[in-house]
C-alpha atoms as a PDB file:
ATOM      1  CA  MET A   1       0.006   0.091  -0.246  1.00  0.00           C
ATOM      2  CA  ALA A   2       3.117   1.955  -0.860  1.00  0.00           C
ATOM      3  CA  ASP A   3       2.645   3.312  -4.182  1.00  0.00           C
ATOM      4  CA  GLY A   4       0.188   3.475  -6.409  1.00  0.00           C
ATOM      5  CA  SER A   5      -3.136   3.803  -6.853  1.00  0.00           C
ATOM      6  CA  ALA A   6      -6.791   3.078  -7.868  1.00  0.00           C
ATOM      7  CA  ILE A   7      -8.510   6.391  -6.069  1.00  0.00           C
ATOM      8  CA  GLU A   8      -9.059   8.859  -9.730  1.00  0.00           C
ATOM      9  CA  TRP A   9      -8.117  12.001  -8.033  1.00  0.00           C
ATOM     10  CA  THR A  10      -4.854  10.805  -6.049  1.00  0.00           C
ATOM     11  CA  THR A  11      -2.069   9.156  -8.466  1.00  0.00           C
ATOM     12  CA  ALA A  12      -0.383   7.295  -5.014  1.00  0.00           C
ATOM     13  CA  THR A  13      -1.070   5.602  -1.153  1.00  0.00           C
ATOM     14  CA  TRP A  14       1.831   5.559   1.557  1.00  0.00           C
ATOM     15  CA  ASN A  15       0.232   4.371   5.103  1.00  0.00           C
ATOM     16  CA  PRO A  16       2.505   5.403   7.817  1.00  0.00           C
ATOM     17  CA  THR A  17      -0.288   3.841   9.756  1.00  0.00           C
ATOM     18  CA  THR A  18      -2.648   1.800   9.274  1.00  0.00           C
ATOM     19  CA  GLY A  19      -6.327   0.723  10.445  1.00  0.00           C
ATOM     20  CA  CYS A  20      -9.520   2.880  12.248  1.00  0.00           C
ATOM     21  CA  ASP A  21     -13.423   2.209  14.392  1.00  0.00           C
ATOM     22  CA  ARG A  22     -15.810   3.345  12.407  1.00  0.00           C
ATOM     23  CA  VAL A  23     -17.779   6.342  13.791  1.00  0.00           C
ATOM     24  CA  SER A  24     -20.339   7.366  11.928  1.00  0.00           C
ATOM     25  CA  ALA A  25     -22.711   5.814   8.520  1.00  0.00           C
ATOM     26  CA  GLY A  26     -19.720   7.058   6.209  1.00  0.00           C
ATOM     27  CA  CYS A  27     -17.557   3.656   7.690  1.00  0.00           C
ATOM     28  CA  ASP A  28     -20.724   0.903   8.308  1.00  0.00           C
ATOM     29  CA  HIS A  29     -19.551  -0.593   4.532  1.00  0.00           C
ATOM     30  CA  CYS A  30     -15.895   0.433   5.322  1.00  0.00           C
ATOM     31  CA  TYR A  31     -13.227  -0.629   2.476  1.00  0.00           C
ATOM     32  CA  ALA A  32     -10.261  -0.959   4.258  1.00  0.00           C
ATOM     33  CA  LEU A  33     -11.946  -2.234   7.165  1.00  0.00           C
ATOM     34  CA  THR A  34     -12.371  -5.447   4.628  1.00  0.00           C
ATOM     35  CA  LEU A  35      -9.399  -4.858   2.826  1.00  0.00           C
ATOM     36  CA  ALA A  36      -7.475  -5.002   6.000  1.00  0.00           C
ATOM     37  CA  ALA A  37      -9.237  -8.243   7.102  1.00  0.00           C
ATOM     38  CA  ARG A  38      -8.051  -9.777   3.838  1.00  0.00           C
ATOM     39  CA  LEU A  39      -4.960  -8.558   4.540  1.00  0.00           C
ATOM     40  CA  LYS A  40      -3.986 -10.417   7.391  1.00  0.00           C
ATOM     41  CA  ALA A  41      -5.389 -13.744   6.308  1.00  0.00           C
ATOM     42  CA  MET A  42      -1.869 -13.528   3.563  1.00  0.00           C
ATOM     43  CA  GLY A  43      -0.022 -13.399   5.921  1.00  0.00           C
ATOM     44  CA  GLN A  44       0.893  -9.214   5.263  1.00  0.00           C
ATOM     45  CA  PRO A  45       2.768  -8.022   8.800  1.00  0.00           C
ATOM     46  CA  LYS A  46       1.285  -4.131   8.475  1.00  0.00           C
ATOM     47  CA  TYR A  47      -2.623  -5.796   9.140  1.00  0.00           C
ATOM     48  CA  GLN A  48      -1.993  -8.498  12.466  1.00  0.00           C
ATOM     49  CA  LYS A  49      -3.716  -5.873  15.117  1.00  0.00           C
ATOM     50  CA  ASP A  50      -6.983  -5.879  15.481  1.00  0.00           C
ATOM     51  CA  GLY A  51      -9.366  -3.468  16.523  1.00  0.00           C
ATOM     52  CA  ASP A  52     -12.281  -4.002  18.847  1.00  0.00           C
ATOM     53  CA  PRO A  53     -14.874  -6.295  16.832  1.00  0.00           C
ATOM     54  CA  ARG A  54     -17.742  -3.154  17.015  1.00  0.00           C
ATOM     55  CA  THR A  55     -16.392  -0.317  15.807  1.00  0.00           C
ATOM     56  CA  SER A  56     -13.427  -2.245  14.009  1.00  0.00           C
ATOM     57  CA  GLY A  57     -11.856  -5.802  12.894  1.00  0.00           C
ATOM     58  CA  PRO A  58      -9.721  -8.458  11.978  1.00  0.00           C
ATOM     59  CA  GLY A  59      -6.189  -6.132  10.877  1.00  0.00           C
ATOM     60  CA  PHE A  60      -6.995  -3.020  11.562  1.00  0.00           C
ATOM     61  CA  GLY A  61      -6.822  -2.324  15.188  1.00  0.00           C
ATOM     62  CA  VAL A  62      -5.034   1.468  14.929  1.00  0.00           C
ATOM     63  CA  THR A  63      -0.984   1.008  13.957  1.00  0.00           C
ATOM     64  CA  ALA A  64       2.307   3.073  13.730  1.00  0.00           C
ATOM     65  CA  HIS A  65       4.524   1.542  11.205  1.00  0.00           C
ATOM     66  CA  PRO A  66       7.969   3.383  11.744  1.00  0.00           C
ATOM     67  CA  ALA A  67       9.561   1.078   9.145  1.00  0.00           C
ATOM     68  CA  ALA A  68       6.978   3.467   6.529  1.00  0.00           C
ATOM     69  CA  LEU A  69       7.770   6.853   7.230  1.00  0.00           C
ATOM     70  CA  ASP A  70      10.868   7.070   4.612  1.00  0.00           C
ATOM     71  CA  ILE A  71       8.927   5.288   1.791  1.00  0.00           C
ATOM     72  CA  PRO A  72       8.245   8.967   0.115  1.00  0.00           C
ATOM     73  CA  LEU A  73      11.938   9.853   0.289  1.00  0.00           C
ATOM     74  CA  ARG A  74      12.560   7.134  -2.410  1.00  0.00           C
ATOM     75  CA  TRP A  75      10.490   8.493  -4.562  1.00  0.00           C
ATOM     76  CA  ARG A  76      12.141  10.628  -7.200  1.00  0.00           C
ATOM     77  CA  GLU A  77       9.155  12.002  -9.126  1.00  0.00           C
ATOM     78  CA  PRO A  78       6.544  13.874  -7.594  1.00  0.00           C
ATOM     79  CA  ARG A  79       3.678  12.459  -6.861  1.00  0.00           C
ATOM     80  CA  LEU A  80      -0.149  13.383  -5.052  1.00  0.00           C
ATOM     81  CA  VAL A  81      -0.209  10.685  -2.351  1.00  0.00           C
ATOM     82  CA  PHE A  82      -2.973  10.458  -0.907  1.00  0.00           C
ATOM     83  CA  VAL A  83      -1.258  10.084   3.157  1.00  0.00           C
ATOM     84  CA  ASN A  84      -3.652   7.000   4.723  1.00  0.00           C
ATOM     85  CA  SER A  85      -5.793   4.826   2.432  1.00  0.00           C
ATOM     86  CA  MET A  86      -6.771   2.331   5.450  1.00  0.00           C
ATOM     87  CA  SER A  87      -6.254   4.278   8.087  1.00  0.00           C
ATOM     88  CA  ASP A  88      -6.993   7.714  10.098  1.00  0.00           C
ATOM     89  CA  LEU A  89      -3.679  10.117  10.199  1.00  0.00           C
ATOM     90  CA  PHE A  90      -6.241  11.723  12.837  1.00  0.00           C
ATOM     91  CA  HIS A  91      -7.774   9.271  15.212  1.00  0.00           C
ATOM     92  CA  ALA A  92      -7.025   9.314  18.742  1.00  0.00           C
ATOM     93  CA  ARG A  93      -4.620   6.153  19.182  1.00  0.00           C
ATOM     94  CA  VAL A  94      -1.918   7.627  16.187  1.00  0.00           C
ATOM     95  CA  ASP A  95      -0.034  10.428  18.950  1.00  0.00           C
ATOM     96  CA  THR A  96       1.320  13.391  17.731  1.00  0.00           C
ATOM     97  CA  ALA A  97       4.304  12.470  17.952  1.00  0.00           C
ATOM     98  CA  PHE A  98       3.970  10.286  15.142  1.00  0.00           C
ATOM     99  CA  ILE A  99       1.297  12.877  13.424  1.00  0.00           C
ATOM    100  CA  ALA A 100       5.390  15.103  13.382  1.00  0.00           C
ATOM    101  CA  ARG A 101       7.002  12.779  11.688  1.00  0.00           C
ATOM    102  CA  VAL A 102       4.544  12.310   9.436  1.00  0.00           C
ATOM    103  CA  TRP A 103       4.902  16.280   8.569  1.00  0.00           C
ATOM    104  CA  GLU A 104       8.884  15.994   9.908  1.00  0.00           C
ATOM    105  CA  ILE A 105       9.219  13.691   6.068  1.00  0.00           C
ATOM    106  CA  MET A 106       6.023  14.953   4.104  1.00  0.00           C
ATOM    107  CA  SER A 107       8.266  19.145   4.481  1.00  0.00           C
ATOM    108  CA  GLN A 108      11.590  17.042   3.790  1.00  0.00           C
ATOM    109  CA  THR A 109      10.248  16.076  -0.641  1.00  0.00           C
ATOM    110  CA  PRO A 110       8.427  19.273  -1.496  1.00  0.00           C
ATOM    111  CA  GLN A 111       8.193  18.346  -5.094  1.00  0.00           C
ATOM    112  CA  HIS A 112       5.405  15.481  -3.586  1.00  0.00           C
ATOM    113  CA  THR A 113       1.399  16.664  -3.325  1.00  0.00           C
ATOM    114  CA  TYR A 114       0.254  15.142   0.244  1.00  0.00           C
ATOM    115  CA  GLN A 115      -3.886  14.569   0.649  1.00  0.00           C
ATOM    116  CA  ILE A 116      -4.625  13.832   4.088  1.00  0.00           C
ATOM    117  CA  LEU A 117      -8.807  12.980   4.912  1.00  0.00           C
ATOM    118  CA  THR A 118     -10.025  12.446   8.117  1.00  0.00           C
ATOM    119  CA  LYS A 119     -13.248  11.585   9.905  1.00  0.00           C
ATOM    120  CA  ARG A 120     -11.416  13.084  13.029  1.00  0.00           C
ATOM    121  CA  PRO A 121     -10.837  17.132  11.887  1.00  0.00           C
ATOM    122  CA  GLU A 122     -11.976  18.264  15.463  1.00  0.00           C
ATOM    123  CA  ARG A 123      -8.451  17.117  16.400  1.00  0.00           C
ATOM    124  CA  ILE A 124      -5.534  18.618  13.096  1.00  0.00           C
ATOM    125  CA  VAL A 125      -5.743  22.032  15.437  1.00  0.00           C
ATOM    126  CA  ARG A 126      -4.547  21.510  18.695  1.00  0.00           C
ATOM    127  CA  VAL A 127      -2.604  18.049  17.294  1.00  0.00           C
ATOM    128  CA  LEU A 128      -0.972  20.610  14.407  1.00  0.00           C
ATOM    129  CA  GLY A 129       0.088  23.482  16.879  1.00  0.00           C
ATOM    130  CA  SER A 130       2.256  20.640  18.859  1.00  0.00           C
ATOM    131  CA  VAL A 131       3.052  19.961  15.343  1.00  0.00           C
ATOM    132  CA  ARG A 132       4.167  23.016  13.886  1.00  0.00           C
ATOM    133  CA  SER A 133       6.818  23.595  18.006  1.00  0.00           C
ATOM    134  CA  SER A 134       8.203  20.467  17.247  1.00  0.00           C
ATOM    135  CA  LEU A 135       9.565  21.162  13.288  1.00  0.00           C
ATOM    136  CA  ARG A 136      12.745  22.751  12.103  1.00  0.00           C
ATOM    137  CA  PRO A 137      11.951  25.966  10.810  1.00  0.00           C
ATOM    138  CA  THR A 138      10.033  25.975   7.353  1.00  0.00           C
ATOM    139  CA  GLU A 139       7.198  27.602   6.171  1.00  0.00           C
ATOM    140  CA  TRP A 140       3.701  27.388   7.917  1.00  0.00           C
ATOM    141  CA  PRO A 141       1.568  25.868   6.483  1.00  0.00           C
ATOM    142  CA  LEU A 142       3.105  22.276   4.640  1.00  0.00           C
ATOM    143  CA  PRO A 143       2.402  24.560   1.070  1.00  0.00           C
ATOM    144  CA  ASN A 144       1.933  21.068   0.338  1.00  0.00           C
ATOM    145  CA  VAL A 145       0.187  19.305   2.127  1.00  0.00           C
ATOM    146  CA  TRP A 146      -4.250  19.502   1.427  1.00  0.00           C
ATOM    147  CA  LEU A 147      -6.279  19.202   4.509  1.00  0.00           C
ATOM    148  CA  GLY A 148      -9.525  17.272   3.651  1.00  0.00           C
ATOM    149  CA  THR A 149     -12.478  15.844   5.519  1.00  0.00           C
ATOM    150  CA  SER A 150     -15.416  13.263   5.039  1.00  0.00           C
ATOM    151  CA  ILE A 151     -19.274  14.497   4.501  1.00  0.00           C
ATOM    152  CA  GLU A 152     -21.579  11.743   4.468  1.00  0.00           C
ATOM    153  CA  SER A 153     -25.118  13.714   4.823  1.00  0.00           C
ATOM    154  CA  ILE A 154     -25.945  16.637   6.945  1.00  0.00           C
ATOM    155  CA  GLY A 155     -25.142  15.424  10.067  1.00  0.00           C
ATOM    156  CA  GLN A 156     -21.874  15.546   9.333  1.00  0.00           C
ATOM    157  CA  ALA A 157     -21.789  18.696   7.934  1.00  0.00           C
ATOM    158  CA  ARG A 158     -20.091  20.268  10.614  1.00  0.00           C
ATOM    159  CA  ARG A 159     -17.109  18.463   9.731  1.00  0.00           C
ATOM    160  CA  ALA A 160     -16.899  21.613   7.035  1.00  0.00           C
ATOM    161  CA  ASP A 161     -16.343  24.285   9.947  1.00  0.00           C
ATOM    162  CA  HIS A 162     -13.372  22.464  11.601  1.00  0.00           C
ATOM    163  CA  ILE A 163     -11.241  22.181   8.259  1.00  0.00           C
ATOM    164  CA  ARG A 164     -11.996  25.816   7.837  1.00  0.00           C
ATOM    165  CA  ALA A 165     -10.002  26.299  11.063  1.00  0.00           C
ATOM    166  CA  ALA A 166      -7.103  23.745   9.575  1.00  0.00           C
ATOM    167  CA  PRO A 167      -3.640  25.042   8.724  1.00  0.00           C
ATOM    168  CA  ALA A 168      -3.622  24.117   5.447  1.00  0.00           C
ATOM    169  CA  ARG A 169      -3.297  25.616   1.843  1.00  0.00           C
ATOM    170  CA  VAL A 170      -5.360  23.686   0.253  1.00  0.00           C
ATOM    171  CA  ARG A 171      -8.780  22.566   2.023  1.00  0.00           C
ATOM    172  CA  PHE A 172     -11.256  20.424   0.878  1.00  0.00           C
ATOM    173  CA  LEU A 173     -14.555  17.711   1.352  1.00  0.00           C
ATOM    174  CA  SER A 174     -14.753  15.113  -0.050  1.00  0.00           C
ATOM    175  CA  LEU A 175     -18.405  14.429   0.487  1.00  0.00           C
ATOM    176  CA  GLU A 176     -18.424  10.488   0.439  1.00  0.00           C
ATOM    177  CA  PRO A 177     -20.266   7.827   0.156  1.00  0.00           C
ATOM    178  CA  LEU A 178     -22.983  10.361  -0.158  1.00  0.00           C
ATOM    179  CA  LEU A 179     -25.515   9.193   1.562  1.00  0.00           C
ATOM    180  CA  GLY A 180     -28.268  12.305   1.923  1.00  0.00           C
ATOM    181  CA  PRO A 181     -28.743  16.088   0.154  1.00  0.00           C
ATOM    182  CA  LEU A 182     -26.752  18.424   1.561  1.00  0.00           C
ATOM    183  CA  PRO A 183     -28.512  21.388   0.736  1.00  0.00           C
ATOM    184  CA  GLY A 184     -26.898  25.137   1.938  1.00  0.00           C
ATOM    185  CA  LEU A 185     -23.762  23.428   1.784  1.00  0.00           C
ATOM    186  CA  ASP A 186     -21.282  26.385   3.518  1.00  0.00           C
ATOM    187  CA  LEU A 187     -18.039  26.213   0.879  1.00  0.00           C
ATOM    188  CA  THR A 188     -16.612  29.356   1.921  1.00  0.00           C
ATOM    189  CA  GLY A 189     -12.514  28.392   2.981  1.00  0.00           C
ATOM    190  CA  ILE A 190     -12.961  25.385   1.401  1.00  0.00           C
ATOM    191  CA  ASP A 191     -10.356  25.050  -2.319  1.00  0.00           C
ATOM    192  CA  TRP A 192     -11.978  21.515  -3.883  1.00  0.00           C
ATOM    193  CA  VAL A 193     -15.252  19.628  -3.610  1.00  0.00           C
ATOM    194  CA  ILE A 194     -14.866  15.413  -4.348  1.00  0.00           C
ATOM    195  CA  ALA A 195     -18.380  13.414  -4.605  1.00  0.00           C
ATOM    196  CA  GLY A 196     -19.616   9.886  -4.986  1.00  0.00           C
ATOM    197  CA  GLY A 197     -21.291   7.253  -4.478  1.00  0.00           C
ATOM    198  CA  GLU A 198     -20.301   3.712  -2.751  1.00  0.00           C
ATOM    199  CA  SER A 199     -19.898   0.839  -3.467  1.00  0.00           C
ATOM    200  CA  GLY A 200     -20.192  -3.017  -2.570  1.00  0.00           C
ATOM    201  CA  HIS A 201     -21.584  -5.462  -1.372  1.00  0.00           C
ATOM    202  CA  GLY A 202     -25.108  -3.652   0.318  1.00  0.00           C
ATOM    203  CA  TYR A 203     -24.667  -0.431  -0.816  1.00  0.00           C
ATOM    204  CA  ARG A 204     -26.406   1.975  -1.010  1.00  0.00           C
ATOM    205  CA  PRO A 205     -27.857   3.624  -4.294  1.00  0.00           C
ATOM    206  CA  ILE A 206     -27.335   7.879  -4.305  1.00  0.00           C
ATOM    207  CA  ASP A 207     -29.538  10.437  -6.217  1.00  0.00           C
ATOM    208  CA  ALA A 208     -28.099  12.107  -9.108  1.00  0.00           C
ATOM    209  CA  ASP A 209     -30.266  15.215  -7.838  1.00  0.00           C
ATOM    210  CA  TRP A 210     -27.817  15.133  -4.953  1.00  0.00           C
ATOM    211  CA  VAL A 211     -24.711  15.089  -7.298  1.00  0.00           C
ATOM    212  CA  ARG A 212     -26.522  17.991  -9.687  1.00  0.00           C
ATOM    213  CA  ASP A 213     -26.963  20.219  -6.608  1.00  0.00           C
ATOM    214  CA  LEU A 214     -22.983  19.922  -5.095  1.00  0.00           C
ATOM    215  CA  ARG A 215     -22.186  20.388  -8.350  1.00  0.00           C
ATOM    216  CA  ASP A 216     -24.346  24.082  -8.566  1.00  0.00           C
ATOM    217  CA  GLN A 217     -22.487  24.427  -4.788  1.00  0.00           C
ATOM    218  CA  SER A 218     -19.490  24.298  -5.604  1.00  0.00           C
ATOM    219  CA  THR A 219     -19.900  26.228  -9.557  1.00  0.00           C
ATOM    220  CA  ARG A 220     -21.826  28.706  -7.952  1.00  0.00           C
ATOM    221  CA  GLN A 221     -19.175  29.242  -4.591  1.00  0.00           C
ATOM    222  CA  GLY A 222     -16.478  29.122  -7.215  1.00  0.00           C
ATOM    223  CA  VAL A 223     -14.855  25.517  -6.009  1.00  0.00           C
ATOM    224  CA  PRO A 224     -13.466  22.853  -8.036  1.00  0.00           C
ATOM    225  CA  PHE A 225     -16.078  20.201  -8.304  1.00  0.00           C
ATOM    226  CA  PHE A 226     -14.569  15.715  -9.014  1.00  0.00           C
ATOM    227  CA  PHE A 227     -16.794  13.405  -9.484  1.00  0.00           C
ATOM    228  CA  LYS A 228     -15.441  10.621  -7.504  1.00  0.00           C
ATOM    229  CA  GLN A 229     -18.494   7.679  -9.143  1.00  0.00           C
ATOM    230  CA  TRP A 230     -21.720   6.488  -8.665  1.00  0.00           C
ATOM    231  CA  GLY A 231     -20.691   3.418  -7.338  1.00  0.00           C
ATOM    232  CA  GLY A 232     -22.823  -0.069  -7.247  1.00  0.00           C
ATOM    233  CA  ARG A 233     -21.165  -3.378  -6.854  1.00  0.00           C
ATOM    234  CA  THR A 234     -18.011  -1.891  -7.909  1.00  0.00           C
ATOM    235  CA  PRO A 235     -16.261   1.224  -8.374  1.00  0.00           C
ATOM    236  CA  LYS A 236     -16.733   1.059 -11.492  1.00  0.00           C
ATOM    237  CA  ALA A 237     -20.539  -0.454 -11.968  1.00  0.00           C
ATOM    238  CA  GLY A 238     -22.036   2.734 -13.183  1.00  0.00           C
ATOM    239  CA  GLY A 239     -19.406   5.244 -13.920  1.00  0.00           C
ATOM    240  CA  ARG A 240     -18.328   8.627 -13.322  1.00  0.00           C
ATOM    241  CA  GLU A 241     -20.434  11.027 -16.176  1.00  0.00           C
ATOM    242  CA  LEU A 242     -22.483  13.210 -15.154  1.00  0.00           C
ATOM    243  CA  ASP A 243     -24.877  15.229 -16.819  1.00  0.00           C
ATOM    244  CA  GLY A 244     -22.844  13.744 -20.190  1.00  0.00           C
ATOM    245  CA  ARG A 245     -19.418  14.496 -19.489  1.00  0.00           C
ATOM    246  CA  THR A 246     -16.897  13.768 -16.291  1.00  0.00           C
ATOM    247  CA  TRP A 247     -16.288  16.359 -13.628  1.00  0.00           C
ATOM    248  CA  ASP A 248     -12.532  15.953 -12.635  1.00  0.00           C
ATOM    249  CA  GLU A 249     -11.566  19.315 -11.098  1.00  0.00           C
ATOM    250  CA  MET A 250      -8.572  19.795  -9.330  1.00  0.00           C
ATOM    251  CA  PRO A 251      -7.842  23.324  -6.866  1.00  0.00           C
ATOM    252  CA  VAL A 252      -5.440  25.568  -8.827  1.00  0.00           C
ATOM    253  CA  ALA A 253      -1.447  24.985  -6.577  1.00  0.00           C
ATOM    254  CA  LEU A 254       1.485  26.430  -8.392  1.00  0.00           C
ATOM    255  CA  HIS A 255       3.967  24.269  -5.781  1.00  0.00           C
ATOM    256  CA  ALA A 256       2.262  21.142  -7.352  1.00  0.00           C
ATOM    257  CA  PRO A 257       3.457  19.202 -10.250  1.00  0.00           C
ATOM    258  CA  THR A 258       2.034  21.116 -13.067  1.00  0.00           C
ATOM    259  CA  HIS A 259       1.952  17.265 -15.226  1.00  0.00           C
ATOM    260  CA  ILE A 260       0.041  15.708 -12.046  1.00  0.00           C
ATOM    261  CA  LEU A 261      -2.735  18.093 -11.656  1.00  0.00           C
ATOM    262  CA  GLN A 262      -4.414  19.647 -14.733  1.00  0.00           C
ATOM    263  CA  PRO A 263      -7.843  17.896 -15.486  1.00  0.00           C
ATOM    264  CA  SER A 264      -9.178  16.174 -17.683  1.00  0.00           C
ATOM    265  CA  VAL A 265     -12.164  17.434 -19.846  1.00  0.00           C
END
């Protein structure tokens, strides 16, 4: 889980931690939880710690992997990197000292752009205040780090307020799996919106009008919009087109590799 990605809005993944716990309805059919159980059965060493069966599962206990920290240092070409596709870096059981080590690696690799997505954005401001004081003198916030949060329904819309307060050059929302409409979503201080449907066994269908409304809200508020998928039994079952085209808009980030950030039309 350290290189390459099938996720449409990134080019690589890096997992210095693995494991998580379900915190809201968007976690009900977590792909990472299912994959962790499979990797444990295959004997993968990073997935041998079990989580609480009430909120997690086999191979999905929160675990820090210091040996994985230096992976981005080995990548020569610039990459768009999703940090912790198999975890949540701001989980309460990931201690601040380890998060500081992740930030140190990101500060040492300005050629890469890092995307960090959390369902626990309320922890960001406090933790990164400590992280900043532990780093060597450097530009702050790091210009190559994007911070985002997941919102699957109106009940989690408050997460956007926490991400607005986060120290980041790019702040984004991942509205996936979208489980209901999000009318009147305030995108002030948000630089990118991703939306998508759920996939896998027992997936909950998405309504096209929910997606159109988010696209229109993003357009009105001048925020780039990326539609990842309709979902279904497999991620690609429903395709990606909305009203006759794909929506692959990306945030403008001048520090990032331009060949990565060019949106397709």
